[in-house]
PDB file of N, CA and C in Angstrom:
ATOM      1  N   MET A   1     116.589-104.876 -50.858  1.00  0.00           N
ATOM      2  CA  MET A   1     116.140-103.874 -49.915  1.00  0.00           C
ATOM      3  C   MET A   1     116.724-102.519 -50.283  1.00  0.00           C
ATOM      4  N   ALA A   2     116.010-101.493 -49.944  1.00  0.00           N
ATOM      5  CA  ALA A   2     116.459-100.148 -50.292  1.00  0.00           C
ATOM      6  C   ALA A   2     117.663 -99.726 -49.461  1.00  0.00           C
ATOM      7  N   TRP A   3     117.844-100.294 -48.289  1.00  0.00           N
ATOM      8  CA  TRP A   3     118.943 -99.855 -47.434  1.00  0.00           C
ATOM      9  C   TRP A   3     120.133-100.792 -47.497  1.00  0.00           C
ATOM     10  N   GLY A   4     120.024-101.893 -48.249  1.00  0.00           N
ATOM     11  CA  GLY A   4     121.115-102.859 -48.303  1.00  0.00           C
ATOM     12  C   GLY A   4     121.634-103.034 -49.713  1.00  0.00           C
ATOM     13  N   TRP A   5     121.852-104.269 -50.064  1.00  0.00           N
ATOM     14  CA  TRP A   5     122.415-104.594 -51.361  1.00  0.00           C
ATOM     15  C   TRP A   5     121.334-105.176 -52.252  1.00  0.00           C
ATOM     16  N   GLU A   6     121.393-104.811 -53.528  1.00  0.00           N
ATOM     17  CA  GLU A   6     120.432-105.326 -54.488  1.00  0.00           C
ATOM     18  C   GLU A   6     120.760-106.763 -54.834  1.00  0.00           C
ATOM     19  N   ILE A   7     119.857-107.410 -55.532  1.00  0.00           N
ATOM     20  CA  ILE A   7     120.058-108.801 -55.924  1.00  0.00           C
ATOM     21  C   ILE A   7     121.234-108.940 -56.895  1.00  0.00           C
ATOM     22  N   THR A   8     121.544-107.867 -57.625  1.00  0.00           N
ATOM     23  CA  THR A   8     122.659-107.897 -58.567  1.00  0.00           C
ATOM     24  C   THR A   8     124.003-107.663 -57.884  1.00  0.00           C
ATOM     25  N   GLY A   9     123.990-107.335 -56.592  1.00  0.00           N
ATOM     26  CA  GLY A   9     125.222-107.103 -55.864  1.00  0.00           C
ATOM     27  C   GLY A   9     125.606-105.645 -55.731  1.00  0.00           C
ATOM     28  N   ASN A  10     124.850-104.763 -56.354  1.00  0.00           N
ATOM     29  CA  ASN A  10     125.116-103.324 -56.247  1.00  0.00           C
ATOM     30  C   ASN A  10     124.447-102.761 -55.002  1.00  0.00           C
ATOM     31  N   LYS A  11     124.900-101.576 -54.604  1.00  0.00           N
ATOM     32  CA  LYS A  11     124.259-100.895 -53.477  1.00  0.00           C
ATOM     33  C   LYS A  11     122.843-100.503 -53.865  1.00  0.00           C
ATOM     34  N   GLY A  12     121.960-100.523 -52.876  1.00  0.00           N
ATOM     35  CA  GLY A  12     120.605-100.038 -53.091  1.00  0.00           C
ATOM     36  C   GLY A  12     120.600 -98.537 -53.316  1.00  0.00           C
ATOM     37  N   ARG A  13     119.536 -98.029 -53.909  1.00  0.00           N
ATOM     38  CA  ARG A  13     119.509 -96.602 -54.262  1.00  0.00           C
ATOM     39  C   ARG A  13     119.541 -95.710 -53.033  1.00  0.00           C
ATOM     40  N   CYS A  14     119.088 -96.195 -51.890  1.00  0.00           N
ATOM     41  CA  CYS A  14     119.026 -95.371 -50.674  1.00  0.00           C
ATOM     42  C   CYS A  14     120.072 -95.786 -49.634  1.00  0.00           C
ATOM     43  N   TYR A  15     120.986 -96.622 -50.023  1.00  0.00           N
ATOM     44  CA  TYR A  15     121.972 -97.150 -49.077  1.00  0.00           C
ATOM     45  C   TYR A  15     122.796 -96.041 -48.428  1.00  0.00           C
ATOM     46  N   ASP A  16     123.237 -95.078 -49.222  1.00  0.00           N
ATOM     47  CA  ASP A  16     124.055 -93.985 -48.671  1.00  0.00           C
ATOM     48  C   ASP A  16     123.278 -93.160 -47.651  1.00  0.00           C
ATOM     49  N   PHE A  17     121.984 -92.931 -47.928  1.00  0.00           N
ATOM     50  CA  PHE A  17     121.146 -92.218 -46.969  1.00  0.00           C
ATOM     51  C   PHE A  17     120.992 -93.036 -45.682  1.00  0.00           C
ATOM     52  N   TRP A  18     120.831 -94.350 -45.844  1.00  0.00           N
ATOM     53  CA  TRP A  18     120.694 -95.226 -44.679  1.00  0.00           C
ATOM     54  C   TRP A  18     121.952 -95.190 -43.813  1.00  0.00           C
ATOM     55  N   ILE A  19     123.122 -95.251 -44.448  1.00  0.00           N
ATOM     56  CA  ILE A  19     124.387 -95.233 -43.710  1.00  0.00           C
ATOM     57  C   ILE A  19     124.521 -93.937 -42.911  1.00  0.00           C
ATOM     58  N   ASP A  20     124.224 -92.801 -43.547  1.00  0.00           N
ATOM     59  CA  ASP A  20     124.297 -91.514 -42.840  1.00  0.00           C
ATOM     60  C   ASP A  20     123.348 -91.484 -41.649  1.00  0.00           C
ATOM     61  N   PHE A  21     122.118 -91.925 -41.864  1.00  0.00           N
ATOM     62  CA  PHE A  21     121.118 -91.931 -40.793  1.00  0.00           C
ATOM     63  C   PHE A  21     121.526 -92.888 -39.679  1.00  0.00           C
ATOM     64  N   SER A  22     121.984 -94.061 -40.040  1.00  0.00           N
ATOM     65  CA  SER A  22     122.393 -95.063 -39.060  1.00  0.00           C
ATOM     66  C   SER A  22     123.583 -94.575 -38.223  1.00  0.00           C
ATOM     67  N   ASP A  23     124.561 -93.960 -38.881  1.00  0.00           N
ATOM     68  CA  ASP A  23     125.711 -93.411 -38.153  1.00  0.00           C
ATOM     69  C   ASP A  23     125.280 -92.330 -37.170  1.00  0.00           C
ATOM     70  N   CYS A  24     124.387 -91.477 -37.610  1.00  0.00           N
ATOM     71  CA  CYS A  24     123.900 -90.409 -36.738  1.00  0.00           C
ATOM     72  C   CYS A  24     123.176 -90.994 -35.529  1.00  0.00           C
ATOM     73  N   MET A  25     122.332 -91.983 -35.759  1.00  0.00           N
ATOM     74  CA  MET A  25     121.577 -92.582 -34.656  1.00  0.00           C
ATOM     75  C   MET A  25     122.500 -93.275 -33.652  1.00  0.00           C
ATOM     76  N   SER A  26     123.607 -93.824 -34.112  1.00  0.00           N
ATOM     77  CA  SER A  26     124.520 -94.503 -33.201  1.00  0.00           C
ATOM     78  C   SER A  26     125.356 -93.511 -32.389  1.00  0.00           C
ATOM     79  N   ARG A  27     125.505 -92.272 -32.878  1.00  0.00           N
ATOM     80  CA  ARG A  27     126.311 -91.273 -32.188  1.00  0.00           C
ATOM     81  C   ARG A  27     125.516 -90.301 -31.334  1.00  0.00           C
ATOM     82  N   CYS A  28     124.278 -90.038 -31.677  1.00  0.00           N
ATOM     83  CA  CYS A  28     123.542 -88.953 -31.021  1.00  0.00           C
ATOM     84  C   CYS A  28     122.894 -89.406 -29.713  1.00  0.00           C
ATOM     85  N   ARG A  29     122.569 -88.431 -28.897  1.00  0.00           N
ATOM     86  CA  ARG A  29     121.891 -88.705 -27.625  1.00  0.00           C
ATOM     87  C   ARG A  29     120.379 -88.679 -27.804  1.00  0.00           C
ATOM     88  N   GLU A  30     119.907 -87.815 -28.662  1.00  0.00           N
ATOM     89  CA  GLU A  30     118.478 -87.644 -28.897  1.00  0.00           C
ATOM     90  C   GLU A  30     118.152 -88.044 -30.339  1.00  0.00           C
ATOM     91  N   PRO A  31     117.135 -88.856 -30.561  1.00  0.00           N
ATOM     92  CA  PRO A  31     116.751 -89.209 -31.941  1.00  0.00           C
ATOM     93  C   PRO A  31     116.358 -87.993 -32.787  1.00  0.00           C
ATOM     94  N   LYS A  32     115.859 -86.937 -32.143  1.00  0.00           N
ATOM     95  CA  LYS A  32     115.464 -85.750 -32.912  1.00  0.00           C
ATOM     96  C   LYS A  32     116.658 -85.061 -33.553  1.00  0.00           C
ATOM     97  N   ASP A  33     117.879 -85.343 -33.072  1.00  0.00           N
ATOM     98  CA  ASP A  33     119.075 -84.762 -33.676  1.00  0.00           C
ATOM     99  C   ASP A  33     119.289 -85.276 -35.100  1.00  0.00           C
ATOM    100  N   CYS A  34     118.726 -86.431 -35.402  1.00  0.00           N
ATOM    101  CA  CYS A  34     118.903 -87.048 -36.718  1.00  0.00           C
ATOM    102  C   CYS A  34     117.651 -86.924 -37.585  1.00  0.00           C
ATOM    103  N   ALA A  35     116.772 -86.021 -37.236  1.00  0.00           N
ATOM    104  CA  ALA A  35     115.487 -85.904 -37.939  1.00  0.00           C
ATOM    105  C   ALA A  35     115.668 -85.581 -39.423  1.00  0.00           C
ATOM    106  N   LEU A  36     116.609 -84.704 -39.749  1.00  0.00           N
ATOM    107  CA  LEU A  36     116.802 -84.342 -41.158  1.00  0.00           C
ATOM    108  C   LEU A  36     117.350 -85.518 -41.968  1.00  0.00           C
ATOM    109  N   LEU A  37     118.250 -86.283 -41.373  1.00  0.00           N
ATOM    110  CA  LEU A  37     118.779 -87.456 -42.077  1.00  0.00           C
ATOM    111  C   LEU A  37     117.703 -88.514 -42.251  1.00  0.00           C
ATOM    112  N   ARG A  38     116.850 -88.661 -41.246  1.00  0.00           N
ATOM    113  CA  ARG A  38     115.728 -89.614 -41.349  1.00  0.00           C
ATOM    114  C   ARG A  38     114.790 -89.171 -42.465  1.00  0.00           C
ATOM    115  N   GLU A  39     114.527 -87.880 -42.529  1.00  0.00           N
ATOM    116  CA  GLU A  39     113.646 -87.340 -43.561  1.00  0.00           C
ATOM    117  C   GLU A  39     114.221 -87.597 -44.956  1.00  0.00           C
ATOM    118  N   ASP A  40     115.538 -87.404 -45.113  1.00  0.00           N
ATOM    119  CA  ASP A  40     116.187 -87.671 -46.402  1.00  0.00           C
ATOM    120  C   ASP A  40     116.066 -89.146 -46.777  1.00  0.00           C
ATOM    121  N   TYR A  41     116.286 -90.016 -45.817  1.00  0.00           N
ATOM    122  CA  TYR A  41     116.200 -91.456 -46.075  1.00  0.00           C
ATOM    123  C   TYR A  41     114.780 -91.857 -46.481  1.00  0.00           C
ATOM    124  N   LEU A  42     113.792 -91.369 -45.754  1.00  0.00           N
ATOM    125  CA  LEU A  42     112.406 -91.716 -46.082  1.00  0.00           C
ATOM    126  C   LEU A  42     111.986 -91.121 -47.425  1.00  0.00           C
ATOM    127  N   GLU A  43     112.485 -89.942 -47.757  1.00  0.00           N
ATOM    128  CA  GLU A  43     112.185 -89.360 -49.070  1.00  0.00           C
ATOM    129  C   GLU A  43     112.787 -90.211 -50.177  1.00  0.00           C
ATOM    130  N   CYS A  44     113.982 -90.717 -49.954  1.00  0.00           N
ATOM    131  CA  CYS A  44     114.605 -91.589 -50.940  1.00  0.00           C
ATOM    132  C   CYS A  44     113.780 -92.862 -51.129  1.00  0.00           C
ATOM    133  N   LEU A  45     113.259 -93.404 -50.045  1.00  0.00           N
ATOM    134  CA  LEU A  45     112.467 -94.630 -50.135  1.00  0.00           C
ATOM    135  C   LEU A  45     111.114 -94.411 -50.807  1.00  0.00           C
ATOM    136  N   HIS A  46     110.406 -93.374 -50.379  1.00  0.00           N
ATOM    137  CA  HIS A  46     109.002 -93.237 -50.762  1.00  0.00           C
ATOM    138  C   HIS A  46     108.698 -92.100 -51.726  1.00  0.00           C
ATOM    139  N   HIS A  47     109.595 -91.152 -51.896  1.00  0.00           N
ATOM    140  CA  HIS A  47     109.419 -90.011 -52.803  1.00  0.00           C
ATOM    141  C   HIS A  47     108.152 -89.211 -52.499  1.00  0.00           C
ATOM    142  N   SER A  48     107.751 -89.135 -51.252  1.00  0.00           N
ATOM    143  CA  SER A  48     106.495 -88.464 -50.910  1.00  0.00           C
ATOM    144  C   SER A  48     106.522 -86.965 -51.215  1.00  0.00           C
ATOM    145  N   LYS A  49     107.628 -86.291 -50.937  1.00  0.00           N
ATOM    146  CA  LYS A  49     107.718 -84.860 -51.229  1.00  0.00           C
ATOM    147  C   LYS A  49     107.727 -84.611 -52.736  1.00  0.00           C
ATOM    148  N   GLU A  50     108.408 -85.479 -53.445  1.00  0.00           N
ATOM    149  CA  GLU A  50     108.447 -85.347 -54.899  1.00  0.00           C
ATOM    150  C   GLU A  50     107.042 -85.484 -55.481  1.00  0.00           C
ATOM    151  N   PHE A  51     106.288 -86.481 -55.021  1.00  0.00           N
ATOM    152  CA  PHE A  51     104.925 -86.673 -55.514  1.00  0.00           C
ATOM    153  C   PHE A  51     104.044 -85.491 -55.131  1.00  0.00           C
ATOM    154  N   GLN A  52     104.260 -84.953 -53.960  1.00  0.00           N
ATOM    155  CA  GLN A  52     103.489 -83.794 -53.519  1.00  0.00           C
ATOM    156  C   GLN A  52     103.753 -82.593 -54.438  1.00  0.00           C
ATOM    157  N   ARG A  53     105.019 -82.382 -54.793  1.00  0.00           N
ATOM    158  CA  ARG A  53     105.359 -81.291 -55.719  1.00  0.00           C
ATOM    159  C   ARG A  53     104.736 -81.522 -57.086  1.00  0.00           C
ATOM    160  N   ARG A  54     104.842 -82.752 -57.591  1.00  0.00           N
ATOM    161  CA  ARG A  54     104.264 -83.063 -58.897  1.00  0.00           C
ATOM    162  C   ARG A  54     102.758 -82.861 -58.893  1.00  0.00           C
ATOM    163  N   ASN A  55     102.093 -83.299 -57.840  1.00  0.00           N
ATOM    164  CA  ASN A  55     100.649 -83.116 -57.749  1.00  0.00           C
ATOM    165  C   ASN A  55     100.292 -81.642 -57.691  1.00  0.00           C
ATOM    166  N   GLY A  56     101.086 -80.862 -56.979  1.00  0.00           N
ATOM    167  CA  GLY A  56     100.851 -79.430 -56.917  1.00  0.00           C
ATOM    168  C   GLY A  56     100.967 -78.767 -58.278  1.00  0.00           C
ATOM    169  N   VAL A  57     101.984 -79.164 -59.038  1.00  0.00           N
ATOM    170  CA  VAL A  57     102.166 -78.620 -60.388  1.00  0.00           C
ATOM    171  C   VAL A  57     100.993 -79.031 -61.269  1.00  0.00           C
ATOM    172  N   TYR A  58     100.587 -80.279 -61.169  1.00  0.00           N
ATOM    173  CA  TYR A  58      99.467 -80.767 -61.981  1.00  0.00           C
ATOM    174  C   TYR A  58      98.175 -80.035 -61.630  1.00  0.00           C
ATOM    175  N   LYS A  59      97.899 -79.866 -60.334  1.00  0.00           N
ATOM    176  CA  LYS A  59      96.673 -79.179 -59.918  1.00  0.00           C
ATOM    177  C   LYS A  59      96.669 -77.728 -60.382  1.00  0.00           C
ATOM    178  N   GLU A  60      97.815 -77.067 -60.294  1.00  0.00           N
ATOM    179  CA  GLU A  60      97.899 -75.682 -60.753  1.00  0.00           C
ATOM    180  C   GLU A  60      97.695 -75.608 -62.261  1.00  0.00           C
ATOM    181  N   GLU A  61      98.257 -76.552 -62.991  1.00  0.00           N
ATOM    182  CA  GLU A  61      98.061 -76.598 -64.436  1.00  0.00           C
ATOM    183  C   GLU A  61      96.577 -76.755 -64.761  1.00  0.00           C
ATOM    184  N   GLN A  62      95.906 -77.665 -64.069  1.00  0.00           N
ATOM    185  CA  GLN A  62      94.483 -77.888 -64.311  1.00  0.00           C
ATOM    186  C   GLN A  62      93.665 -76.648 -63.943  1.00  0.00           C
ATOM    187  N   ARG A  63      94.023 -75.993 -62.858  1.00  0.00           N
ATOM    188  CA  ARG A  63      93.317 -74.793 -62.445  1.00  0.00           C
ATOM    189  C   ARG A  63      93.457 -73.702 -63.498  1.00  0.00           C
ATOM    190  N   GLN A  64      94.683 -73.532 -63.987  1.00  0.00           N
ATOM    191  CA  GLN A  64      94.904 -72.494 -64.992  1.00  0.00           C
ATOM    192  C   GLN A  64      94.217 -72.828 -66.310  1.00  0.00           C
ATOM    193  N   LEU A  65      94.162 -74.095 -66.669  1.00  0.00           N
ATOM    194  CA  LEU A  65      93.428 -74.495 -67.865  1.00  0.00           C
ATOM    195  C   LEU A  65      91.942 -74.180 -67.713  1.00  0.00           C
ATOM    196  N   ARG A  66      91.404 -74.477 -66.544  1.00  0.00           N
ATOM    197  CA  ARG A  66      89.995 -74.217 -66.286  1.00  0.00           C
ATOM    198  C   ARG A  66      89.699 -72.719 -66.361  1.00  0.00           C
ATOM    199  N   VAL A  67      90.555 -71.909 -65.743  1.00  0.00           N
ATOM    200  CA  VAL A  67      90.365 -70.457 -65.773  1.00  0.00           C
ATOM    201  C   VAL A  67      90.472 -69.943 -67.205  1.00  0.00           C
ATOM    202  N   ALA A  68      91.440 -70.432 -67.964  1.00  0.00           N
ATOM    203  CA  ALA A  68      91.621 -69.983 -69.338  1.00  0.00           C
ATOM    204  C   ALA A  68      90.430 -70.370 -70.204  1.00  0.00           C
ATOM    205  N   SER A  69      89.899 -71.567 -69.997  1.00  0.00           N
ATOM    206  CA  SER A  69      88.752 -71.987 -70.803  1.00  0.00           C
ATOM    207  C   SER A  69      87.505 -71.196 -70.433  1.00  0.00           C
ATOM    208  N   GLU A  70      87.383 -70.804 -69.164  1.00  0.00           N
ATOM    209  CA  GLU A  70      86.250 -69.982 -68.747  1.00  0.00           C
ATOM    210  C   GLU A  70      86.321 -68.589 -69.352  1.00  0.00           C
ATOM    211  N   LYS A  71      87.505 -68.074 -69.516  1.00  0.00           N
ATOM    212  CA  LYS A  71      87.681 -66.749 -70.094  1.00  0.00           C
ATOM    213  C   LYS A  71      87.693 -66.792 -71.619  1.00  0.00           C
ATOM    214  N   GLY A  72      87.771 -67.998 -72.161  1.00  0.00           N
ATOM    215  CA  GLY A  72      87.782 -68.128 -73.611  1.00  0.00           C
ATOM    216  C   GLY A  72      89.141 -67.882 -74.230  1.00  0.00           C
ATOM    217  N   LYS A  73      90.182 -67.926 -73.422  1.00  0.00           N
ATOM    218  CA  LYS A  73      91.539 -67.714 -73.927  1.00  0.00           C
ATOM    219  C   LYS A  73      92.193 -69.065 -74.188  1.00  0.00           C
ATOM    220  N   GLY A  74      93.307 -69.009 -74.908  1.00  0.00           N
ATOM    221  CA  GLY A  74      94.091 -70.217 -75.149  1.00  0.00           C
ATOM    222  C   GLY A  74      95.024 -70.535 -74.008  1.00  0.00           C
ATOM    223  N   GLY A  75      95.338 -69.582 -73.184  1.00  0.00           N
ATOM    224  CA  GLY A  75      96.206 -69.812 -72.030  1.00  0.00           C
ATOM    225  C   GLY A  75      97.660 -70.023 -72.387  1.00  0.00           C
ATOM    226  N   GLY A  76      98.171 -69.265 -73.360  1.00  0.00           N
ATOM    227  CA  GLY A  76      99.540 -69.489 -73.820  1.00  0.00           C
ATOM    228  C   GLY A  76     100.616 -68.997 -72.882  1.00  0.00           C
ATOM    229  N   ARG A  77     100.312 -68.017 -72.029  1.00  0.00           N
ATOM    230  CA  ARG A  77     101.340 -67.421 -71.174  1.00  0.00           C
ATOM    231  C   ARG A  77     101.820 -68.344 -70.080  1.00  0.00           C
ATOM    232  N   TRP A  78     100.926 -69.063 -69.449  1.00  0.00           N
ATOM    233  CA  TRP A  78     101.302 -69.924 -68.328  1.00  0.00           C
ATOM    234  C   TRP A  78     102.073 -71.141 -68.774  1.00  0.00           C
ATOM    235  N   CYS A  79     101.934 -71.497 -70.045  1.00  0.00           N
ATOM    236  CA  CYS A  79     102.560 -72.725 -70.545  1.00  0.00           C
ATOM    237  C   CYS A  79     104.084 -72.672 -70.401  1.00  0.00           C
ATOM    238  N   SER A  80     104.695 -71.546 -70.751  1.00  0.00           N
ATOM    239  CA  SER A  80     106.151 -71.461 -70.682  1.00  0.00           C
ATOM    240  C   SER A  80     106.626 -71.460 -69.231  1.00  0.00           C
ATOM    241  N   SER A  81     105.885 -70.813 -68.326  1.00  0.00           N
ATOM    242  CA  SER A  81     106.321 -70.816 -66.924  1.00  0.00           C
ATOM    243  C   SER A  81     106.144 -72.196 -66.312  1.00  0.00           C
ATOM    244  N   LEU A  82     105.089 -72.904 -66.678  1.00  0.00           N
ATOM    245  CA  LEU A  82     104.904 -74.269 -66.184  1.00  0.00           C
ATOM    246  C   LEU A  82     106.001 -75.186 -66.704  1.00  0.00           C
ATOM    247  N   ARG A  83     106.355 -75.005 -67.959  1.00  0.00           N
ATOM    248  CA  ARG A  83     107.430 -75.806 -68.549  1.00  0.00           C
ATOM    249  C   ARG A  83     108.740 -75.549 -67.804  1.00  0.00           C
ATOM    250  N   ASN A  84     109.014 -74.290 -67.444  1.00  0.00           N
ATOM    251  CA  ASN A  84     110.224 -73.950 -66.693  1.00  0.00           C
ATOM    252  C   ASN A  84     110.223 -74.603 -65.319  1.00  0.00           C
ATOM    253  N   ILE A  85     109.064 -74.657 -64.653  1.00  0.00           N
ATOM    254  CA  ILE A  85     108.972 -75.308 -63.349  1.00  0.00           C
ATOM    255  C   ILE A  85     109.282 -76.790 -63.471  1.00  0.00           C
ATOM    256  N   ILE A  86     108.700 -77.442 -64.474  1.00  0.00           N
ATOM    257  CA  ILE A  86     108.922 -78.882 -64.661  1.00  0.00           C
ATOM    258  C   ILE A  86     110.388 -79.151 -64.971  1.00  0.00           C
ATOM    259  N   ILE A  87     110.992 -78.350 -65.834  1.00  0.00           N
ATOM    260  CA  ILE A  87     112.410 -78.530 -66.161  1.00  0.00           C
ATOM    261  C   ILE A  87     113.264 -78.320 -64.921  1.00  0.00           C
ATOM    262  N   SER A  88     112.916 -77.336 -64.104  1.00  0.00           N
ATOM    263  CA  SER A  88     113.660 -77.075 -62.872  1.00  0.00           C
ATOM    264  C   SER A  88     113.581 -78.255 -61.921  1.00  0.00           C
ATOM    265  N   LEU A  89     112.388 -78.844 -61.764  1.00  0.00           N
ATOM    266  CA  LEU A  89     112.242 -80.012 -60.889  1.00  0.00           C
ATOM    267  C   LEU A  89     113.084 -81.177 -61.389  1.00  0.00           C
ATOM    268  N   ARG A  90     113.062 -81.407 -62.695  1.00  0.00           N
ATOM    269  CA  ARG A  90     113.856 -82.499 -63.258  1.00  0.00           C
ATOM    270  C   ARG A  90     115.343 -82.239 -63.078  1.00  0.00           C
ATOM    271  N   PHE A  91     115.780 -80.989 -63.299  1.00  0.00           N
ATOM    272  CA  PHE A  91     117.189 -80.643 -63.143  1.00  0.00           C
ATOM    273  C   PHE A  91     117.644 -80.877 -61.709  1.00  0.00           C
ATOM    274  N   ASN A  92     116.817 -80.485 -60.741  1.00  0.00           N
ATOM    275  CA  ASN A  92     117.180 -80.683 -59.340  1.00  0.00           C
ATOM    276  C   ASN A  92     117.302 -82.152 -59.009  1.00  0.00           C
ATOM    277  N   ARG A  93     116.449 -83.003 -59.564  1.00  0.00           N
ATOM    278  CA  ARG A  93     116.547 -84.441 -59.308  1.00  0.00           C
ATOM    279  C   ARG A  93     117.834 -84.997 -59.893  1.00  0.00           C
ATOM    280  N   VAL A  94     118.187 -84.573 -61.125  1.00  0.00           N
ATOM    281  CA  VAL A  94     119.408 -85.057 -61.760  1.00  0.00           C
ATOM    282  C   VAL A  94     120.613 -84.587 -60.991  1.00  0.00           C
ATOM    283  N   LYS A  95     120.574 -83.322 -60.514  1.00  0.00           N
ATOM    284  CA  LYS A  95     121.695 -82.757 -59.771  1.00  0.00           C
ATOM    285  C   LYS A  95     121.912 -83.513 -58.470  1.00  0.00           C
ATOM    286  N   ARG A  96     120.819 -84.010 -57.852  1.00  0.00           N
ATOM    287  CA  ARG A  96     120.932 -84.767 -56.613  1.00  0.00           C
ATOM    288  C   ARG A  96     121.250 -86.223 -56.886  1.00  0.00           C
ATOM    289  N   GLY A  97     121.344 -86.628 -58.165  1.00  0.00           N
ATOM    290  CA  GLY A  97     121.682 -88.006 -58.504  1.00  0.00           C
ATOM    291  C   GLY A  97     120.506 -88.958 -58.428  1.00  0.00           C
ATOM    292  N   MET A  98     119.290 -88.445 -58.580  1.00  0.00           N
ATOM    293  CA  MET A  98     118.109 -89.288 -58.476  1.00  0.00           C
ATOM    294  C   MET A  98     117.550 -89.661 -59.853  1.00  0.00           C
ATOM    295  N   GLY A  99     118.201 -89.274 -60.934  1.00  0.00           N
ATOM    296  CA  GLY A  99     117.740 -89.627 -62.258  1.00  0.00           C
ATOM    297  C   GLY A  99     116.537 -88.812 -62.684  1.00  0.00           C
ATOM    298  N   THR A 100     115.883 -89.255 -63.744  1.00  0.00           N
ATOM    299  CA  THR A 100     114.733 -88.532 -64.265  1.00  0.00           C
ATOM    300  C   THR A 100     113.476 -89.367 -64.252  1.00  0.00           C
ATOM    301  N   ASN A 101     113.469 -90.478 -63.591  1.00  0.00           N
ATOM    302  CA  ASN A 101     112.277 -91.330 -63.560  1.00  0.00           C
ATOM    303  C   ASN A 101     111.224 -90.776 -62.661  1.00  0.00           C
TER     304      ASN A 101
END
């Protein structure tokens, strides 16, 4: 399970997020007080925001390719900025300890 222990005996990848969320829920009066911790836990489980960002980058890349092909250009300028965005996203994931997968 993502919130417990893996079959190998190690902590699950989202266990720390689960512990923070669970502690908050046991202490707070209103569930909305723990909304940010819940959001972090669900993002760890499902990666929905990450996929949304990746899809946005992909759609923008496709849009710029389409515009460049319509104008008859090679589209070399956007390539370096897109590469910087992708590297930045990967760096942020590594910095948060989520790896590069």
